[in-house]
PDB file of N, CA and C in Angstrom:
ATOM      1  N   MET A   1     -46.719-125.709-154.861  1.00  0.00           N
ATOM      2  CA  MET A   1     -45.453-126.014-155.482  1.00  0.00           C
ATOM      3  C   MET A   1     -44.629-126.954-154.593  1.00  0.00           C
ATOM      4  N   GLU A   2     -44.728-126.776-153.286  1.00  0.00           N
ATOM      5  CA  GLU A   2     -43.949-127.596-152.362  1.00  0.00           C
ATOM      6  C   GLU A   2     -44.245-129.077-152.548  1.00  0.00           C
ATOM      7  N   ASN A   3     -45.516-129.434-152.757  1.00  0.00           N
ATOM      8  CA  ASN A   3     -45.880-130.842-152.942  1.00  0.00           C
ATOM      9  C   ASN A   3     -45.258-131.422-154.209  1.00  0.00           C
ATOM     10  N   LYS A   4     -45.239-130.627-155.281  1.00  0.00           N
ATOM     11  CA  LYS A   4     -44.647-131.100-156.535  1.00  0.00           C
ATOM     12  C   LYS A   4     -43.141-131.312-156.368  1.00  0.00           C
ATOM     13  N   ILE A   5     -42.506-130.392-155.681  1.00  0.00           N
ATOM     14  CA  ILE A   5     -41.066-130.540-155.460  1.00  0.00           C
ATOM     15  C   ILE A   5     -40.793-131.758-154.586  1.00  0.00           C
ATOM     16  N   GLN A   6     -41.622-131.974-153.582  1.00  0.00           N
ATOM     17  CA  GLN A   6     -41.433-133.136-152.711  1.00  0.00           C
ATOM     18  C   GLN A   6     -41.588-134.429-153.509  1.00  0.00           C
ATOM     19  N   LEU A   7     -42.500-134.453-154.468  1.00  0.00           N
ATOM     20  CA  LEU A   7     -42.645-135.626-155.326  1.00  0.00           C
ATOM     21  C   LEU A   7     -41.365-135.886-156.123  1.00  0.00           C
ATOM     22  N   ILE A   8     -40.745-134.814-156.607  1.00  0.00           N
ATOM     23  CA  ILE A   8     -39.485-134.956-157.349  1.00  0.00           C
ATOM     24  C   ILE A   8     -38.395-135.484-156.424  1.00  0.00           C
ATOM     25  N   ILE A   9     -38.329-134.959-155.202  1.00  0.00           N
ATOM     26  CA  ILE A   9     -37.331-135.425-154.236  1.00  0.00           C
ATOM     27  C   ILE A   9     -37.532-136.907-153.941  1.00  0.00           C
ATOM     28  N   ASP A  10     -38.780-137.323-153.751  1.00  0.00           N
ATOM     29  CA  ASP A  10     -39.069-138.743-153.503  1.00  0.00           C
ATOM     30  C   ASP A  10     -38.637-139.598-154.694  1.00  0.00           C
ATOM     31  N   TYR A  11     -38.891-139.103-155.902  1.00  0.00           N
ATOM     32  CA  TYR A  11     -38.494-139.816-157.113  1.00  0.00           C
ATOM     33  C   TYR A  11     -36.973-139.942-157.182  1.00  0.00           C
ATOM     34  N   ILE A  12     -36.261-138.876-156.820  1.00  0.00           N
ATOM     35  CA  ILE A  12     -34.796-138.907-156.811  1.00  0.00           C
ATOM     36  C   ILE A  12     -34.303-139.943-155.812  1.00  0.00           C
ATOM     37  N   ASN A  13     -34.896-139.951-154.617  1.00  0.00           N
ATOM     38  CA  ASN A  13     -34.486-140.942-153.604  1.00  0.00           C
ATOM     39  C   ASN A  13     -34.674-142.358-154.117  1.00  0.00           C
ATOM     40  N   LYS A  14     -35.780-142.600-154.803  1.00  0.00           N
ATOM     41  CA  LYS A  14     -36.055-143.923-155.360  1.00  0.00           C
ATOM     42  C   LYS A  14     -34.983-144.290-156.391  1.00  0.00           C
ATOM     43  N   ASN A  15     -34.605-143.319-157.232  1.00  0.00           N
ATOM     44  CA  ASN A  15     -33.606-143.592-158.260  1.00  0.00           C
ATOM     45  C   ASN A  15     -32.213-143.757-157.676  1.00  0.00           C
ATOM     46  N   ILE A  16     -31.920-143.062-156.586  1.00  0.00           N
ATOM     47  CA  ILE A  16     -30.623-143.258-155.922  1.00  0.00           C
ATOM     48  C   ILE A  16     -30.519-144.693-155.443  1.00  0.00           C
ATOM     49  N   ASN A  17     -31.582-145.194-154.851  1.00  0.00           N
ATOM     50  CA  ASN A  17     -31.582-146.592-154.395  1.00  0.00           C
ATOM     51  C   ASN A  17     -31.439-147.558-155.565  1.00  0.00           C
ATOM     52  N   THR A  18     -32.102-147.266-156.669  1.00  0.00           N
ATOM     53  CA  THR A  18     -32.022-148.123-157.851  1.00  0.00           C
ATOM     54  C   THR A  18     -30.600-148.135-158.398  1.00  0.00           C
ATOM     55  N   ILE A  19     -30.002-146.962-158.534  1.00  0.00           N
ATOM     56  CA  ILE A  19     -28.629-146.869-159.044  1.00  0.00           C
ATOM     57  C   ILE A  19     -27.669-147.585-158.111  1.00  0.00           C
ATOM     58  N   ASP A  20     -27.865-147.370-156.830  1.00  0.00           N
ATOM     59  CA  ASP A  20     -26.994-147.985-155.827  1.00  0.00           C
ATOM     60  C   ASP A  20     -27.025-149.511-155.924  1.00  0.00           C
ATOM     61  N   ASN A  21     -28.180-150.071-156.266  1.00  0.00           N
ATOM     62  CA  ASN A  21     -28.333-151.526-156.319  1.00  0.00           C
ATOM     63  C   ASN A  21     -27.927-152.143-157.666  1.00  0.00           C
ATOM     64  N   PHE A  22     -28.032-151.389-158.766  1.00  0.00           N
ATOM     65  CA  PHE A  22     -27.872-152.011-160.076  1.00  0.00           C
ATOM     66  C   PHE A  22     -26.714-151.508-160.921  1.00  0.00           C
ATOM     67  N   GLU A  23     -26.115-150.373-160.622  1.00  0.00           N
ATOM     68  CA  GLU A  23     -25.045-149.848-161.464  1.00  0.00           C
ATOM     69  C   GLU A  23     -23.729-150.543-161.110  1.00  0.00           C
ATOM     70  N   PRO A  24     -23.154-151.312-162.065  1.00  0.00           N
ATOM     71  CA  PRO A  24     -21.935-152.062-161.759  1.00  0.00           C
ATOM     72  C   PRO A  24     -20.676-151.192-161.732  1.00  0.00           C
ATOM     73  N   ASN A  25     -20.639-150.110-162.463  1.00  0.00           N
ATOM     74  CA  ASN A  25     -19.464-149.251-162.533  1.00  0.00           C
ATOM     75  C   ASN A  25     -19.485-148.274-161.359  1.00  0.00           C
ATOM     76  N   ALA A  26     -18.514-148.391-160.461  1.00  0.00           N
ATOM     77  CA  ALA A  26     -18.491-147.578-159.238  1.00  0.00           C
ATOM     78  C   ALA A  26     -18.398-146.087-159.545  1.00  0.00           C
ATOM     79  N   PHE A  27     -17.616-145.720-160.579  1.00  0.00           N
ATOM     80  CA  PHE A  27     -17.495-144.303-160.925  1.00  0.00           C
ATOM     81  C   PHE A  27     -18.834-143.752-161.394  1.00  0.00           C
ATOM     82  N   CYS A  28     -19.472-144.454-162.318  1.00  0.00           N
ATOM     83  CA  CYS A  28     -20.775-144.009-162.824  1.00  0.00           C
ATOM     84  C   CYS A  28     -21.796-143.950-161.698  1.00  0.00           C
ATOM     85  N   GLN A  29     -21.749-144.954-160.858  1.00  0.00           N
ATOM     86  CA  GLN A  29     -22.670-145.013-159.721  1.00  0.00           C
ATOM     87  C   GLN A  29     -22.462-143.798-158.814  1.00  0.00           C
ATOM     88  N   GLY A  30     -21.228-143.508-158.459  1.00  0.00           N
ATOM     89  CA  GLY A  30     -20.929-142.371-157.585  1.00  0.00           C
ATOM     90  C   GLY A  30     -21.300-141.056-158.225  1.00  0.00           C
ATOM     91  N   PHE A  31     -21.003-140.919-159.521  1.00  0.00           N
ATOM     92  CA  PHE A  31     -21.335-139.692-160.235  1.00  0.00           C
ATOM     93  C   PHE A  31     -22.842-139.476-160.289  1.00  0.00           C
ATOM     94  N   ALA A  32     -23.575-140.522-160.637  1.00  0.00           N
ATOM     95  CA  ALA A  32     -25.039-140.413-160.746  1.00  0.00           C
ATOM     96  C   ALA A  32     -25.667-140.099-159.389  1.00  0.00           C
ATOM     97  N   ILE A  33     -25.228-140.800-158.377  1.00  0.00           N
ATOM     98  CA  ILE A  33     -25.778-140.562-157.039  1.00  0.00           C
ATOM     99  C   ILE A  33     -25.414-139.161-156.558  1.00  0.00           C
ATOM    100  N   GLY A  34     -24.178-138.742-156.786  1.00  0.00           N
ATOM    101  CA  GLY A  34     -23.751-137.391-156.389  1.00  0.00           C
ATOM    102  C   GLY A  34     -24.572-136.312-157.069  1.00  0.00           C
ATOM    103  N   THR A  35     -24.815-136.501-158.366  1.00  0.00           N
ATOM    104  CA  THR A  35     -25.620-135.536-159.108  1.00  0.00           C
ATOM    105  C   THR A  35     -27.044-135.476-158.575  1.00  0.00           C
ATOM    106  N   LEU A  36     -27.639-136.635-158.346  1.00  0.00           N
ATOM    107  CA  LEU A  36     -29.008-136.664-157.809  1.00  0.00           C
ATOM    108  C   LEU A  36     -29.074-136.071-156.407  1.00  0.00           C
ATOM    109  N   GLU A  37     -28.061-136.324-155.581  1.00  0.00           N
ATOM    110  CA  GLU A  37     -28.026-135.750-154.231  1.00  0.00           C
ATOM    111  C   GLU A  37     -27.948-134.230-154.302  1.00  0.00           C
ATOM    112  N   THR A  38     -27.154-133.710-155.229  1.00  0.00           N
ATOM    113  CA  THR A  38     -27.047-132.258-155.402  1.00  0.00           C
ATOM    114  C   THR A  38     -28.376-131.657-155.827  1.00  0.00           C
ATOM    115  N   ILE A  39     -29.024-132.296-156.782  1.00  0.00           N
ATOM    116  CA  ILE A  39     -30.345-131.816-157.229  1.00  0.00           C
ATOM    117  C   ILE A  39     -31.331-131.857-156.070  1.00  0.00           C
ATOM    118  N   LYS A  40     -31.309-132.928-155.307  1.00  0.00           N
ATOM    119  CA  LYS A  40     -32.216-133.069-154.169  1.00  0.00           C
ATOM    120  C   LYS A  40     -31.982-131.951-153.150  1.00  0.00           C
ATOM    121  N   THR A  41     -30.721-131.671-152.854  1.00  0.00           N
ATOM    122  CA  THR A  41     -30.391-130.594-151.908  1.00  0.00           C
ATOM    123  C   THR A  41     -30.878-129.245-152.433  1.00  0.00           C
ATOM    124  N   ASP A  42     -30.673-129.000-153.721  1.00  0.00           N
ATOM    125  CA  ASP A  42     -31.140-127.744-154.319  1.00  0.00           C
ATOM    126  C   ASP A  42     -32.659-127.623-154.228  1.00  0.00           C
ATOM    127  N   LEU A  43     -33.356-128.711-154.469  1.00  0.00           N
ATOM    128  CA  LEU A  43     -34.816-128.683-154.382  1.00  0.00           C
ATOM    129  C   LEU A  43     -35.290-128.461-152.943  1.00  0.00           C
ATOM    130  N   GLN A  44     -34.609-129.082-151.985  1.00  0.00           N
ATOM    131  CA  GLN A  44     -34.971-128.863-150.583  1.00  0.00           C
ATOM    132  C   GLN A  44     -34.727-127.413-150.182  1.00  0.00           C
ATOM    133  N   THR A  45     -33.649-126.826-150.681  1.00  0.00           N
ATOM    134  CA  THR A  45     -33.368-125.411-150.432  1.00  0.00           C
ATOM    135  C   THR A  45     -34.463-124.545-151.041  1.00  0.00           C
ATOM    136  N   LEU A  46     -34.908-124.921-152.231  1.00  0.00           N
ATOM    137  CA  LEU A  46     -35.990-124.185-152.891  1.00  0.00           C
ATOM    138  C   LEU A  46     -37.267-124.213-152.057  1.00  0.00           C
ATOM    139  N   ILE A  47     -37.585-125.344-151.463  1.00  0.00           N
ATOM    140  CA  ILE A  47     -38.768-125.450-150.605  1.00  0.00           C
ATOM    141  C   ILE A  47     -38.629-124.499-149.417  1.00  0.00           C
ATOM    142  N   GLU A  48     -37.461-124.480-148.790  1.00  0.00           N
ATOM    143  CA  GLU A  48     -37.241-123.607-147.635  1.00  0.00           C
ATOM    144  C   GLU A  48     -37.344-122.136-148.032  1.00  0.00           C
ATOM    145  N   LYS A  49     -36.770-121.776-149.181  1.00  0.00           N
ATOM    146  CA  LYS A  49     -36.849-120.390-149.643  1.00  0.00           C
ATOM    147  C   LYS A  49     -38.292-119.998-149.941  1.00  0.00           C
ATOM    148  N   GLU A  50     -39.050-120.923-150.527  1.00  0.00           N
ATOM    149  CA  GLU A  50     -40.454-120.631-150.820  1.00  0.00           C
ATOM    150  C   GLU A  50     -41.221-120.365-149.525  1.00  0.00           C
ATOM    151  N   LYS A  51     -40.982-121.182-148.496  1.00  0.00           N
ATOM    152  CA  LYS A  51     -41.645-120.970-147.208  1.00  0.00           C
ATOM    153  C   LYS A  51     -41.262-119.615-146.625  1.00  0.00           C
ATOM    154  N   PHE A  52     -39.974-119.280-146.699  1.00  0.00           N
ATOM    155  CA  PHE A  52     -39.477-118.004-146.179  1.00  0.00           C
ATOM    156  C   PHE A  52     -40.116-116.841-146.921  1.00  0.00           C
ATOM    157  N   LEU A  53     -40.161-116.925-148.255  1.00  0.00           N
ATOM    158  CA  LEU A  53     -40.750-115.846-149.043  1.00  0.00           C
ATOM    159  C   LEU A  53     -42.232-115.688-148.763  1.00  0.00           C
ATOM    160  N   LYS A  54     -42.940-116.791-148.610  1.00  0.00           N
ATOM    161  CA  LYS A  54     -44.369-116.700-148.300  1.00  0.00           C
ATOM    162  C   LYS A  54     -44.593-115.993-146.977  1.00  0.00           C
ATOM    163  N   SER A  55     -43.791-116.315-145.969  1.00  0.00           N
ATOM    164  CA  SER A  55     -43.958-115.667-144.671  1.00  0.00           C
ATOM    165  C   SER A  55     -43.585-114.193-144.765  1.00  0.00           C
ATOM    166  N   ASP A  56     -42.536-113.866-145.538  1.00  0.00           N
ATOM    167  CA  ASP A  56     -42.160-112.470-145.717  1.00  0.00           C
ATOM    168  C   ASP A  56     -43.233-111.688-146.449  1.00  0.00           C
ATOM    169  N   LEU A  57     -43.825-112.303-147.470  1.00  0.00           N
ATOM    170  CA  LEU A  57     -44.862-111.607-148.230  1.00  0.00           C
ATOM    171  C   LEU A  57     -46.072-111.301-147.367  1.00  0.00           C
ATOM    172  N   LYS A  58     -46.400-112.200-146.454  1.00  0.00           N
ATOM    173  CA  LYS A  58     -47.516-111.935-145.548  1.00  0.00           C
ATOM    174  C   LYS A  58     -47.221-110.728-144.669  1.00  0.00           C
ATOM    175  N   LYS A  59     -45.982-110.634-144.169  1.00  0.00           N
ATOM    176  CA  LYS A  59     -45.597-109.494-143.348  1.00  0.00           C
ATOM    177  C   LYS A  59     -45.578-108.212-144.166  1.00  0.00           C
ATOM    178  N   ILE A  60     -44.985-108.275-145.356  1.00  0.00           N
ATOM    179  CA  ILE A  60     -44.812-107.104-146.194  1.00  0.00           C
ATOM    180  C   ILE A  60     -46.147-106.539-146.647  1.00  0.00           C
ATOM    181  N   SER A  61     -47.095-107.417-146.963  1.00  0.00           N
ATOM    182  CA  SER A  61     -48.365-106.955-147.518  1.00  0.00           C
ATOM    183  C   SER A  61     -49.138-106.080-146.534  1.00  0.00           C
ATOM    184  N   ARG A  62     -48.834-106.192-145.251  1.00  0.00           N
ATOM    185  CA  ARG A  62     -49.524-105.391-144.238  1.00  0.00           C
ATOM    186  C   ARG A  62     -48.784-104.107-143.904  1.00  0.00           C
ATOM    187  N   VAL A  63     -47.630-103.880-144.518  1.00  0.00           N
ATOM    188  CA  VAL A  63     -46.775-102.771-144.120  1.00  0.00           C
ATOM    189  C   VAL A  63     -46.543-101.830-145.295  1.00  0.00           C
ATOM    190  N   CYS A  64     -46.540-100.552-144.986  1.00  0.00           N
ATOM    191  CA  CYS A  64     -46.188 -99.546-145.977  1.00  0.00           C
ATOM    192  C   CYS A  64     -44.953 -98.821-145.469  1.00  0.00           C
ATOM    193  N   TYR A  65     -43.834 -98.969-146.155  1.00  0.00           N
ATOM    194  CA  TYR A  65     -42.593 -98.336-145.732  1.00  0.00           C
ATOM    195  C   TYR A  65     -42.470 -96.966-146.389  1.00  0.00           C
ATOM    196  N   THR A  66     -42.161 -95.973-145.567  1.00  0.00           N
ATOM    197  CA  THR A  66     -41.999 -94.608-146.066  1.00  0.00           C
ATOM    198  C   THR A  66     -40.735 -94.006-145.469  1.00  0.00           C
ATOM    199  N   ASN A  67     -40.334 -92.869-146.030  1.00  0.00           N
ATOM    200  CA  ASN A  67     -39.164 -92.121-145.548  1.00  0.00           C
ATOM    201  C   ASN A  67     -37.939 -93.019-145.382  1.00  0.00           C
ATOM    202  N   VAL A  68     -37.749 -93.911-146.328  1.00  0.00           N
ATOM    203  CA  VAL A  68     -36.617 -94.847-146.278  1.00  0.00           C
ATOM    204  C   VAL A  68     -35.348 -94.092-146.689  1.00  0.00           C
ATOM    205  N   LYS A  69     -34.305 -94.236-145.882  1.00  0.00           N
ATOM    206  CA  LYS A  69     -33.012 -93.597-146.138  1.00  0.00           C
ATOM    207  C   LYS A  69     -31.941 -94.675-146.256  1.00  0.00           C
ATOM    208  N   PHE A  70     -31.030 -94.463-147.193  1.00  0.00           N
ATOM    209  CA  PHE A  70     -29.968 -95.430-147.470  1.00  0.00           C
ATOM    210  C   PHE A  70     -28.592 -94.823-147.278  1.00  0.00           C
ATOM    211  N   LYS A  71     -27.626 -95.676-146.996  1.00  0.00           N
ATOM    212  CA  LYS A  71     -26.195 -95.340-146.999  1.00  0.00           C
ATOM    213  C   LYS A  71     -25.501 -96.385-147.859  1.00  0.00           C
ATOM    214  N   GLY A  72     -24.282 -96.077-148.263  1.00  0.00           N
ATOM    215  CA  GLY A  72     -23.473 -97.044-149.003  1.00  0.00           C
ATOM    216  C   GLY A  72     -23.843 -97.163-150.472  1.00  0.00           C
ATOM    217  N   ILE A  73     -24.532 -96.181-150.995  1.00  0.00           N
ATOM    218  CA  ILE A  73     -24.901 -96.239-152.416  1.00  0.00           C
ATOM    219  C   ILE A  73     -23.692 -95.833-153.255  1.00  0.00           C
ATOM    220  N   ASP A  74     -23.258 -96.717-154.115  1.00  0.00           N
ATOM    221  CA  ASP A  74     -22.141 -96.461-155.020  1.00  0.00           C
ATOM    222  C   ASP A  74     -22.649 -96.700-156.433  1.00  0.00           C
ATOM    223  N   HIS A  75     -22.789 -95.612-157.188  1.00  0.00           N
ATOM    224  CA  HIS A  75     -23.370 -95.738-158.534  1.00  0.00           C
ATOM    225  C   HIS A  75     -22.453 -96.487-159.501  1.00  0.00           C
ATOM    226  N   LYS A  76     -21.195 -96.665-159.128  1.00  0.00           N
ATOM    227  CA  LYS A  76     -20.310 -97.502-159.948  1.00  0.00           C
ATOM    228  C   LYS A  76     -20.717 -98.970-159.840  1.00  0.00           C
ATOM    229  N   ASP A  77     -21.481 -99.279-158.810  1.00  0.00           N
ATOM    230  CA  ASP A  77     -21.942-100.655-158.570  1.00  0.00           C
ATOM    231  C   ASP A  77     -23.323-100.908-159.185  1.00  0.00           C
ATOM    232  N   TYR A  78     -23.798 -99.963-160.010  1.00  0.00           N
ATOM    233  CA  TYR A  78     -25.090-100.136-160.673  1.00  0.00           C
ATOM    234  C   TYR A  78     -25.061-101.387-161.539  1.00  0.00           C
ATOM    235  N   PRO A  79     -26.056-102.198-161.614  1.00  0.00           N
ATOM    236  CA  PRO A  79     -27.371-102.091-160.985  1.00  0.00           C
ATOM    237  C   PRO A  79     -27.486-102.839-159.657  1.00  0.00           C
ATOM    238  N   ASP A  80     -26.386-103.430-159.184  1.00  0.00           N
ATOM    239  CA  ASP A  80     -26.471-104.283-157.991  1.00  0.00           C
ATOM    240  C   ASP A  80     -26.606-103.506-156.690  1.00  0.00           C
ATOM    241  N   TYR A  81     -25.817-102.464-156.550  1.00  0.00           N
ATOM    242  CA  TYR A  81     -25.800-101.677-155.305  1.00  0.00           C
ATOM    243  C   TYR A  81     -25.672-102.587-154.076  1.00  0.00           C
ATOM    244  N   CYS A  82     -24.728-103.527-154.156  1.00  0.00           N
ATOM    245  CA  CYS A  82     -24.628-104.529-153.089  1.00  0.00           C
ATOM    246  C   CYS A  82     -24.151-103.949-151.759  1.00  0.00           C
ATOM    247  N   ASP A  83     -23.543-102.755-151.762  1.00  0.00           N
ATOM    248  CA  ASP A  83     -23.088-102.149-150.502  1.00  0.00           C
ATOM    249  C   ASP A  83     -24.131-101.221-149.876  1.00  0.00           C
ATOM    250  N   ALA A  84     -25.218-100.977-150.573  1.00  0.00           N
ATOM    251  CA  ALA A  84     -26.260-100.085-150.048  1.00  0.00           C
ATOM    252  C   ALA A  84     -27.013-100.758-148.903  1.00  0.00           C
ATOM    253  N   TYR A  85     -27.357 -99.972-147.913  1.00  0.00           N
ATOM    254  CA  TYR A  85     -28.119-100.504-146.787  1.00  0.00           C
ATOM    255  C   TYR A  85     -29.041 -99.426-146.219  1.00  0.00           C
ATOM    256  N   ILE A  86     -30.116 -99.868-145.617  1.00  0.00           N
ATOM    257  CA  ILE A  86     -31.124 -98.976-145.050  1.00  0.00           C
ATOM    258  C   ILE A  86     -30.642 -98.515-143.674  1.00  0.00           C
ATOM    259  N   ILE A  87     -30.737 -97.194-143.440  1.00  0.00           N
ATOM    260  CA  ILE A  87     -30.364 -96.670-142.124  1.00  0.00           C
ATOM    261  C   ILE A  87     -31.576 -96.127-141.363  1.00  0.00           C
ATOM    262  N   TYR A  88     -32.660 -95.846-142.108  1.00  0.00           N
ATOM    263  CA  TYR A  88     -33.856 -95.320-141.463  1.00  0.00           C
ATOM    264  C   TYR A  88     -35.059 -95.638-142.336  1.00  0.00           C
ATOM    265  N   ALA A  89     -36.151 -95.929-141.706  1.00  0.00           N
ATOM    266  CA  ALA A  89     -37.412 -96.133-142.431  1.00  0.00           C
ATOM    267  C   ALA A  89     -38.556 -96.028-141.434  1.00  0.00           C
ATOM    268  N   GLU A  90     -39.724 -95.746-141.974  1.00  0.00           N
ATOM    269  CA  GLU A  90     -40.940 -95.711-141.165  1.00  0.00           C
ATOM    270  C   GLU A  90     -41.921 -96.727-141.719  1.00  0.00           C
ATOM    271  N   SER A  91     -42.700 -97.288-140.829  1.00  0.00           N
ATOM    272  CA  SER A  91     -43.743 -98.227-141.206  1.00  0.00           C
ATOM    273  C   SER A  91     -45.065 -97.658-140.726  1.00  0.00           C
ATOM    274  N   ASN A  92     -45.918 -97.348-141.685  1.00  0.00           N
ATOM    275  CA  ASN A  92     -47.213 -96.740-141.356  1.00  0.00           C
ATOM    276  C   ASN A  92     -47.024 -95.514-140.465  1.00  0.00           C
ATOM    277  N   GLY A  93     -45.967 -94.727-140.758  1.00  0.00           N
ATOM    278  CA  GLY A  93     -45.708 -93.491-140.042  1.00  0.00           C
ATOM    279  C   GLY A  93     -44.914 -93.625-138.756  1.00  0.00           C
ATOM    280  N   VAL A  94     -44.554 -94.837-138.356  1.00  0.00           N
ATOM    281  CA  VAL A  94     -43.818 -95.065-137.103  1.00  0.00           C
ATOM    282  C   VAL A  94     -42.377 -95.475-137.445  1.00  0.00           C
ATOM    283  N   PRO A  95     -41.366 -94.799-136.847  1.00  0.00           N
ATOM    284  CA  PRO A  95     -39.971 -95.178-137.127  1.00  0.00           C
ATOM    285  C   PRO A  95     -39.704 -96.640-136.757  1.00  0.00           C
ATOM    286  N   LEU A  96     -38.949 -97.321-137.621  1.00  0.00           N
ATOM    287  CA  LEU A  96     -38.588 -98.711-137.358  1.00  0.00           C
ATOM    288  C   LEU A  96     -37.484 -98.780-136.305  1.00  0.00           C
ATOM    289  N   THR A  97     -37.483 -99.855-135.557  1.00  0.00           N
ATOM    290  CA  THR A  97     -36.412-100.108-134.595  1.00  0.00           C
ATOM    291  C   THR A  97     -35.181-100.591-135.355  1.00  0.00           C
ATOM    292  N   ASP A  98     -34.037-100.630-134.659  1.00  0.00           N
ATOM    293  CA  ASP A  98     -32.816-101.137-135.286  1.00  0.00           C
ATOM    294  C   ASP A  98     -32.988-102.583-135.748  1.00  0.00           C
ATOM    295  N   ASP A  99     -33.685-103.385-134.951  1.00  0.00           N
ATOM    296  CA  ASP A  99     -33.926-104.786-135.331  1.00  0.00           C
ATOM    297  C   ASP A  99     -34.793-104.871-136.584  1.00  0.00           C
ATOM    298  N   GLU A 100     -35.795-104.033-136.682  1.00  0.00           N
ATOM    299  CA  GLU A 100     -36.669-104.043-137.865  1.00  0.00           C
ATOM    300  C   GLU A 100     -35.906-103.576-139.102  1.00  0.00           C
ATOM    301  N   ILE A 101     -35.025-102.592-138.929  1.00  0.00           N
ATOM    302  CA  ILE A 101     -34.203-102.139-140.061  1.00  0.00           C
ATOM    303  C   ILE A 101     -33.246-103.252-140.491  1.00  0.00           C
ATOM    304  N   GLU A 102     -32.683-103.944-139.517  1.00  0.00           N
ATOM    305  CA  GLU A 102     -31.798-105.064-139.847  1.00  0.00           C
ATOM    306  C   GLU A 102     -32.565-106.146-140.613  1.00  0.00           C
ATOM    307  N   GLU A 103     -33.792-106.399-140.203  1.00  0.00           N
ATOM    308  CA  GLU A 103     -34.620-107.388-140.891  1.00  0.00           C
ATOM    309  C   GLU A 103     -34.899-106.940-142.325  1.00  0.00           C
ATOM    310  N   LEU A 104     -35.152-105.652-142.514  1.00  0.00           N
ATOM    311  CA  LEU A 104     -35.360-105.124-143.876  1.00  0.00           C
ATOM    312  C   LEU A 104     -34.093-105.309-144.708  1.00  0.00           C
ATOM    313  N   ASN A 105     -32.947-104.997-144.119  1.00  0.00           N
ATOM    314  CA  ASN A 105     -31.682-105.142-144.844  1.00  0.00           C
ATOM    315  C   ASN A 105     -31.379-106.589-145.193  1.00  0.00           C
ATOM    316  N   ASP A 106     -31.866-107.526-144.384  1.00  0.00           N
ATOM    317  CA  ASP A 106     -31.645-108.946-144.655  1.00  0.00           C
ATOM    318  C   ASP A 106     -32.514-109.472-145.796  1.00  0.00           C
ATOM    319  N   ASN A 107     -33.594-108.767-146.091  1.00  0.00           N
ATOM    320  CA  ASN A 107     -34.492-109.175-147.172  1.00  0.00           C
ATOM    321  C   ASN A 107     -34.036-108.477-148.455  1.00  0.00           C
ATOM    322  N   SER A 108     -33.140-109.120-149.196  1.00  0.00           N
ATOM    323  CA  SER A 108     -32.509-108.474-150.349  1.00  0.00           C
ATOM    324  C   SER A 108     -33.516-108.039-151.412  1.00  0.00           C
ATOM    325  N   PHE A 109     -34.560-108.815-151.625  1.00  0.00           N
ATOM    326  CA  PHE A 109     -35.557-108.449-152.639  1.00  0.00           C
ATOM    327  C   PHE A 109     -36.272-107.157-152.243  1.00  0.00           C
ATOM    328  N   LEU A 110     -36.744-107.086-151.010  1.00  0.00           N
ATOM    329  CA  LEU A 110     -37.453-105.894-150.546  1.00  0.00           C
ATOM    330  C   LEU A 110     -36.512-104.700-150.471  1.00  0.00           C
ATOM    331  N   LYS A 111     -35.309-104.923-149.967  1.00  0.00           N
ATOM    332  CA  LYS A 111     -34.329-103.825-149.864  1.00  0.00           C
ATOM    333  C   LYS A 111     -34.047-103.238-151.241  1.00  0.00           C
ATOM    334  N   TYR A 112     -33.865-104.086-152.226  1.00  0.00           N
ATOM    335  CA  TYR A 112     -33.584-103.593-153.574  1.00  0.00           C
ATOM    336  C   TYR A 112     -34.780-102.833-154.137  1.00  0.00           C
ATOM    337  N   SER A 113     -35.972-103.319-153.871  1.00  0.00           N
ATOM    338  CA  SER A 113     -37.180-102.637-154.327  1.00  0.00           C
ATOM    339  C   SER A 113     -37.283-101.245-153.697  1.00  0.00           C
ATOM    340  N   LEU A 114     -37.025-101.165-152.391  1.00  0.00           N
ATOM    341  CA  LEU A 114     -37.057 -99.863-151.708  1.00  0.00           C
ATOM    342  C   LEU A 114     -35.944 -98.956-152.216  1.00  0.00           C
ATOM    343  N   LEU A 115     -34.801 -99.535-152.531  1.00  0.00           N
ATOM    344  CA  LEU A 115     -33.683 -98.749-153.049  1.00  0.00           C
ATOM    345  C   LEU A 115     -34.012 -98.147-154.412  1.00  0.00           C
ATOM    346  N   THR A 116     -34.617 -98.929-155.284  1.00  0.00           N
ATOM    347  CA  THR A 116     -34.969 -98.386-156.604  1.00  0.00           C
ATOM    348  C   THR A 116     -36.001 -97.268-156.464  1.00  0.00           C
ATOM    349  N   ASP A 117     -36.927 -97.418-155.531  1.00  0.00           N
ATOM    350  CA  ASP A 117     -37.883 -96.332-155.264  1.00  0.00           C
ATOM    351  C   ASP A 117     -37.144 -95.094-154.748  1.00  0.00           C
ATOM    352  N   TYR A 118     -36.198 -95.295-153.864  1.00  0.00           N
ATOM    353  CA  TYR A 118     -35.423 -94.212-153.266  1.00  0.00           C
ATOM    354  C   TYR A 118     -34.628 -93.454-154.323  1.00  0.00           C
ATOM    355  N   LEU A 119     -34.045 -94.192-155.276  1.00  0.00           N
ATOM    356  CA  LEU A 119     -33.206 -93.575-156.302  1.00  0.00           C
ATOM    357  C   LEU A 119     -34.012 -92.867-157.387  1.00  0.00           C
ATOM    358  N   HIS A 120     -35.257 -93.222-157.545  1.00  0.00           N
ATOM    359  CA  HIS A 120     -36.065 -92.620-158.603  1.00  0.00           C
ATOM    360  C   HIS A 120     -37.049 -91.714-157.976  1.00  0.00           C
TER     361      HIS A 120
END
């Protein structure tokens, strides 16, 4: 997917140069370039997130989290539970360190998945 997105980014860069050289109306030119720059930034962010998720999935696939305990659960905040956080967990039977728990809490997708397991 990264290669396809990079092709789109390259295409956007080419069109920014084209607009910059040929669009006589400064407002239209600025608007078009601004829009393309925003899309380009969003696509670059998507590439970075994809890389991050791939690395996280590799780590997660080797780990089995058990005995996960949460604090900050407010059922009025269902289904988001944005204040919930992990206070204890074990990985393959070994308690996680504070740094590992913080890393789990930083991974919102995994944290939410563990939270739904915890609540059910």
